[in-house]
Amino acid sequence: CETNNIPATFFEIVVSTTLLHFAESNVDAAVLEAGLGGRLDATNVIRESWMSVITNIGLDHTRVLGTNKNAICWEKAGIIKVG
């Protein structure tokens, strides 16, 4: 964000603070809910996951994710990790 002069969103700050707390607390597992969902979501900084779940796809966040369900599905699939 700093290099492009784009301020962090409230959600990004909350996710960052939460992940720092988890790291300092040495948690074994955590459940995170995506905000925007998918490729551009703040929770996508997690490199490894045991599971990714995508629920129903609606026409939300169309300004960022796309204007139709196919585009939104492609973006939301970006949260899925290999392995």
N, C-alpha and C. Protein backbone atom coordinates (compact mmCIF):
# COMPACT_ATOMS: atom_id res chain seq x y z
N CYS A 1 0.81 -1.19 0.00
CA CYS A 1 0.00 0.00 0.00
C CYS A 1 0.86 1.26 0.00
N GLU A 2 1.90 1.28 0.80
CA GLU A 2 2.71 2.48 0.91
C GLU A 2 3.37 2.87 -0.41
N THR A 3 3.86 1.89 -1.16
CA THR A 3 4.57 2.22 -2.40
C THR A 3 3.65 2.81 -3.45
N ASN A 4 2.37 2.47 -3.39
CA ASN A 4 1.41 3.00 -4.36
C ASN A 4 0.54 4.10 -3.77
N ASN A 5 0.85 4.50 -2.54
CA ASN A 5 0.09 5.55 -1.86
C ASN A 5 -1.40 5.22 -1.76
N ILE A 6 -1.69 3.95 -1.47
CA ILE A 6 -3.07 3.50 -1.30
C ILE A 6 -3.26 3.19 0.17
N PRO A 7 -4.16 3.89 0.85
CA PRO A 7 -4.34 3.64 2.28
C PRO A 7 -4.97 2.27 2.53
N ALA A 8 -4.57 1.67 3.65
CA ALA A 8 -5.16 0.40 4.05
C ALA A 8 -6.61 0.61 4.44
N THR A 9 -7.44 -0.38 4.14
CA THR A 9 -8.84 -0.31 4.55
C THR A 9 -8.97 -0.73 6.01
N PHE A 10 -10.11 -0.45 6.61
CA PHE A 10 -10.38 -0.87 7.98
C PHE A 10 -10.24 -2.39 8.09
N PHE A 11 -10.78 -3.12 7.12
CA PHE A 11 -10.72 -4.59 7.15
C PHE A 11 -9.27 -5.06 7.09
N GLU A 12 -8.44 -4.46 6.26
CA GLU A 12 -7.04 -4.86 6.16
C GLU A 12 -6.30 -4.63 7.48
N ILE A 13 -6.61 -3.54 8.16
CA ILE A 13 -5.99 -3.26 9.45
C ILE A 13 -6.44 -4.29 10.49
N VAL A 14 -7.72 -4.61 10.49
CA VAL A 14 -8.24 -5.62 11.43
C VAL A 14 -7.60 -6.98 11.15
N VAL A 15 -7.50 -7.37 9.90
CA VAL A 15 -6.88 -8.66 9.55
C VAL A 15 -5.42 -8.66 9.99
N SER A 16 -4.69 -7.61 9.71
CA SER A 16 -3.28 -7.52 10.11
C SER A 16 -3.11 -7.66 11.61
N THR A 17 -3.93 -6.94 12.36
CA THR A 17 -3.88 -7.00 13.82
C THR A 17 -4.23 -8.39 14.32
N THR A 18 -5.23 -9.01 13.73
CA THR A 18 -5.64 -10.35 14.12
C THR A 18 -4.54 -11.37 13.85
N LEU A 19 -3.93 -11.29 12.67
CA LEU A 19 -2.86 -12.24 12.33
C LEU A 19 -1.64 -12.06 13.24
N LEU A 20 -1.34 -10.82 13.60
CA LEU A 20 -0.25 -10.57 14.54
C LEU A 20 -0.57 -11.20 15.90
N HIS A 21 -1.79 -11.03 16.35
CA HIS A 21 -2.21 -11.64 17.63
C HIS A 21 -2.09 -13.15 17.57
N PHE A 22 -2.54 -13.75 16.46
CA PHE A 22 -2.44 -15.21 16.31
C PHE A 22 -0.98 -15.65 16.35
N ALA A 23 -0.10 -14.93 15.66
CA ALA A 23 1.32 -15.29 15.62
C ALA A 23 1.95 -15.19 17.01
N GLU A 24 1.65 -14.11 17.72
CA GLU A 24 2.21 -13.92 19.06
C GLU A 24 1.64 -14.91 20.07
N SER A 25 0.46 -15.42 19.81
CA SER A 25 -0.19 -16.38 20.71
C SER A 25 0.11 -17.82 20.34
N ASN A 26 0.85 -18.02 19.26
CA ASN A 26 1.22 -19.36 18.80
C ASN A 26 0.01 -20.28 18.63
N VAL A 27 -1.04 -19.79 18.00
CA VAL A 27 -2.23 -20.62 17.79
C VAL A 27 -1.91 -21.76 16.84
N ASP A 28 -2.55 -22.89 17.06
CA ASP A 28 -2.36 -24.05 16.19
C ASP A 28 -3.23 -23.97 14.95
N ALA A 29 -4.39 -23.37 15.09
CA ALA A 29 -5.31 -23.25 13.96
C ALA A 29 -6.20 -22.03 14.17
N ALA A 30 -6.67 -21.48 13.08
CA ALA A 30 -7.57 -20.33 13.15
C ALA A 30 -8.56 -20.41 11.99
N VAL A 31 -9.73 -19.89 12.22
CA VAL A 31 -10.74 -19.80 11.17
C VAL A 31 -10.86 -18.33 10.79
N LEU A 32 -10.67 -18.04 9.51
CA LEU A 32 -10.76 -16.67 9.02
C LEU A 32 -11.88 -16.57 7.99
N GLU A 33 -12.64 -15.53 8.09
CA GLU A 33 -13.67 -15.28 7.08
C GLU A 33 -13.18 -14.16 6.18
N ALA A 34 -13.25 -14.40 4.89
CA ALA A 34 -12.82 -13.39 3.93
C ALA A 34 -13.79 -12.22 3.94
N GLY A 35 -13.29 -11.07 3.59
CA GLY A 35 -14.13 -9.88 3.49
C GLY A 35 -14.63 -9.73 2.07
N LEU A 36 -13.78 -9.24 1.20
CA LEU A 36 -14.09 -9.09 -0.21
C LEU A 36 -14.19 -10.47 -0.86
N GLY A 37 -13.33 -11.36 -0.45
CA GLY A 37 -13.32 -12.72 -0.96
C GLY A 37 -12.38 -12.88 -2.13
N GLY A 38 -11.65 -13.96 -2.12
CA GLY A 38 -10.84 -14.32 -3.27
C GLY A 38 -9.48 -13.68 -3.39
N ARG A 39 -9.06 -13.54 -4.61
CA ARG A 39 -7.71 -13.13 -4.98
C ARG A 39 -7.27 -11.84 -4.32
N LEU A 40 -8.14 -10.88 -4.18
CA LEU A 40 -7.79 -9.56 -3.66
C LEU A 40 -8.06 -9.39 -2.18
N ASP A 41 -8.51 -10.43 -1.50
CA ASP A 41 -8.90 -10.31 -0.10
C ASP A 41 -7.68 -10.23 0.81
N ALA A 42 -7.82 -9.46 1.88
CA ALA A 42 -6.72 -9.28 2.84
C ALA A 42 -6.32 -10.60 3.49
N THR A 43 -7.24 -11.54 3.61
CA THR A 43 -6.91 -12.83 4.23
C THR A 43 -6.08 -13.71 3.30
N ASN A 44 -5.93 -13.32 2.06
CA ASN A 44 -5.18 -14.12 1.09
C ASN A 44 -3.68 -14.07 1.32
N VAL A 45 -3.22 -13.37 2.35
CA VAL A 45 -1.79 -13.37 2.69
C VAL A 45 -1.39 -14.69 3.35
N ILE A 46 -2.37 -15.47 3.79
CA ILE A 46 -2.09 -16.77 4.38
C ILE A 46 -1.59 -17.69 3.28
N ARG A 47 -0.40 -18.27 3.47
CA ARG A 47 0.21 -19.09 2.41
C ARG A 47 -0.30 -20.52 2.39
N GLU A 48 -0.64 -21.04 3.56
CA GLU A 48 -1.09 -22.43 3.65
C GLU A 48 -2.44 -22.48 4.36
N SER A 49 -3.30 -23.34 3.88
CA SER A 49 -4.57 -23.55 4.57
C SER A 49 -4.97 -25.00 4.45
N TRP A 50 -5.78 -25.43 5.41
CA TRP A 50 -6.29 -26.79 5.38
C TRP A 50 -7.53 -26.88 4.51
N MET A 51 -8.23 -25.76 4.41
CA MET A 51 -9.50 -25.79 3.71
C MET A 51 -9.88 -24.38 3.25
N SER A 52 -10.49 -24.31 2.11
CA SER A 52 -11.10 -23.07 1.63
C SER A 52 -12.54 -23.39 1.25
N VAL A 53 -13.46 -22.55 1.67
CA VAL A 53 -14.87 -22.77 1.39
C VAL A 53 -15.42 -21.54 0.69
N ILE A 54 -16.10 -21.76 -0.41
CA ILE A 54 -16.78 -20.68 -1.12
C ILE A 54 -18.27 -20.98 -1.05
N THR A 55 -19.01 -20.06 -0.49
CA THR A 55 -20.46 -20.25 -0.39
C THR A 55 -21.12 -19.67 -1.63
N ASN A 56 -22.39 -19.36 -1.54
CA ASN A 56 -23.11 -18.87 -2.71
C ASN A 56 -22.45 -17.59 -3.27
N ILE A 57 -22.51 -17.45 -4.56
CA ILE A 57 -21.92 -16.30 -5.25
C ILE A 57 -23.03 -15.34 -5.63
N GLY A 58 -22.89 -14.11 -5.16
CA GLY A 58 -23.87 -13.08 -5.49
C GLY A 58 -23.20 -11.94 -6.23
N LEU A 59 -23.99 -10.99 -6.61
CA LEU A 59 -23.46 -9.84 -7.33
C LEU A 59 -23.11 -8.72 -6.35
N ASP A 60 -22.14 -9.02 -5.47
CA ASP A 60 -21.66 -8.03 -4.52
C ASP A 60 -20.24 -7.63 -4.90
N HIS A 61 -19.82 -6.50 -4.46
CA HIS A 61 -18.48 -5.98 -4.76
C HIS A 61 -18.20 -5.94 -6.26
N THR A 62 -19.21 -5.66 -7.05
CA THR A 62 -19.07 -5.69 -8.52
C THR A 62 -18.07 -4.66 -9.03
N ARG A 63 -17.87 -3.59 -8.31
CA ARG A 63 -16.91 -2.57 -8.74
C ARG A 63 -15.49 -3.14 -8.74
N VAL A 64 -15.22 -4.10 -7.86
CA VAL A 64 -13.88 -4.67 -7.74
C VAL A 64 -13.80 -6.06 -8.37
N LEU A 65 -14.82 -6.89 -8.14
CA LEU A 65 -14.74 -8.30 -8.55
C LEU A 65 -15.22 -8.58 -9.96
N GLY A 66 -16.01 -7.71 -10.53
CA GLY A 66 -16.57 -7.94 -11.86
C GLY A 66 -18.07 -7.79 -11.84
N THR A 67 -18.63 -7.65 -13.01
CA THR A 67 -20.06 -7.34 -13.10
C THR A 67 -20.94 -8.54 -13.38
N ASN A 68 -20.35 -9.73 -13.51
CA ASN A 68 -21.18 -10.92 -13.73
C ASN A 68 -20.66 -12.06 -12.86
N LYS A 69 -21.47 -13.08 -12.69
CA LYS A 69 -21.11 -14.18 -11.79
C LYS A 69 -19.87 -14.94 -12.24
N ASN A 70 -19.63 -15.06 -13.55
CA ASN A 70 -18.43 -15.75 -14.01
C ASN A 70 -17.17 -15.02 -13.57
N ALA A 71 -17.15 -13.71 -13.72
CA ALA A 71 -15.99 -12.92 -13.31
C ALA A 71 -15.81 -12.97 -11.79
N ILE A 72 -16.91 -12.88 -11.06
CA ILE A 72 -16.85 -12.92 -9.60
C ILE A 72 -16.37 -14.29 -9.12
N CYS A 73 -16.84 -15.37 -9.75
CA CYS A 73 -16.39 -16.72 -9.39
C CYS A 73 -14.88 -16.86 -9.61
N TRP A 74 -14.37 -16.34 -10.71
CA TRP A 74 -12.94 -16.42 -11.00
C TRP A 74 -12.15 -15.70 -9.92
N GLU A 75 -12.59 -14.52 -9.53
CA GLU A 75 -11.91 -13.76 -8.48
C GLU A 75 -11.98 -14.48 -7.14
N LYS A 76 -13.15 -14.98 -6.77
CA LYS A 76 -13.31 -15.65 -5.49
C LYS A 76 -12.49 -16.94 -5.42
N ALA A 77 -12.30 -17.62 -6.54
CA ALA A 77 -11.50 -18.84 -6.57
C ALA A 77 -10.04 -18.55 -6.23
N GLY A 78 -9.63 -17.29 -6.29
CA GLY A 78 -8.27 -16.92 -5.95
C GLY A 78 -7.89 -17.17 -4.49
N ILE A 79 -8.84 -17.48 -3.64
CA ILE A 79 -8.56 -17.78 -2.24
C ILE A 79 -8.14 -19.23 -2.06
N ILE A 80 -8.38 -20.07 -3.05
CA ILE A 80 -8.08 -21.50 -2.95
C ILE A 80 -6.57 -21.72 -3.08
N LYS A 81 -6.03 -22.52 -2.16
CA LYS A 81 -4.60 -22.82 -2.15
C LYS A 81 -4.36 -24.23 -2.67
N VAL A 82 -3.24 -24.43 -3.33
CA VAL A 82 -2.86 -25.77 -3.81
C VAL A 82 -2.36 -26.58 -2.62
N GLY A 83 -2.77 -27.86 -2.59
CA GLY A 83 -2.27 -28.73 -1.54
C GLY A 83 -3.23 -29.03 -0.56
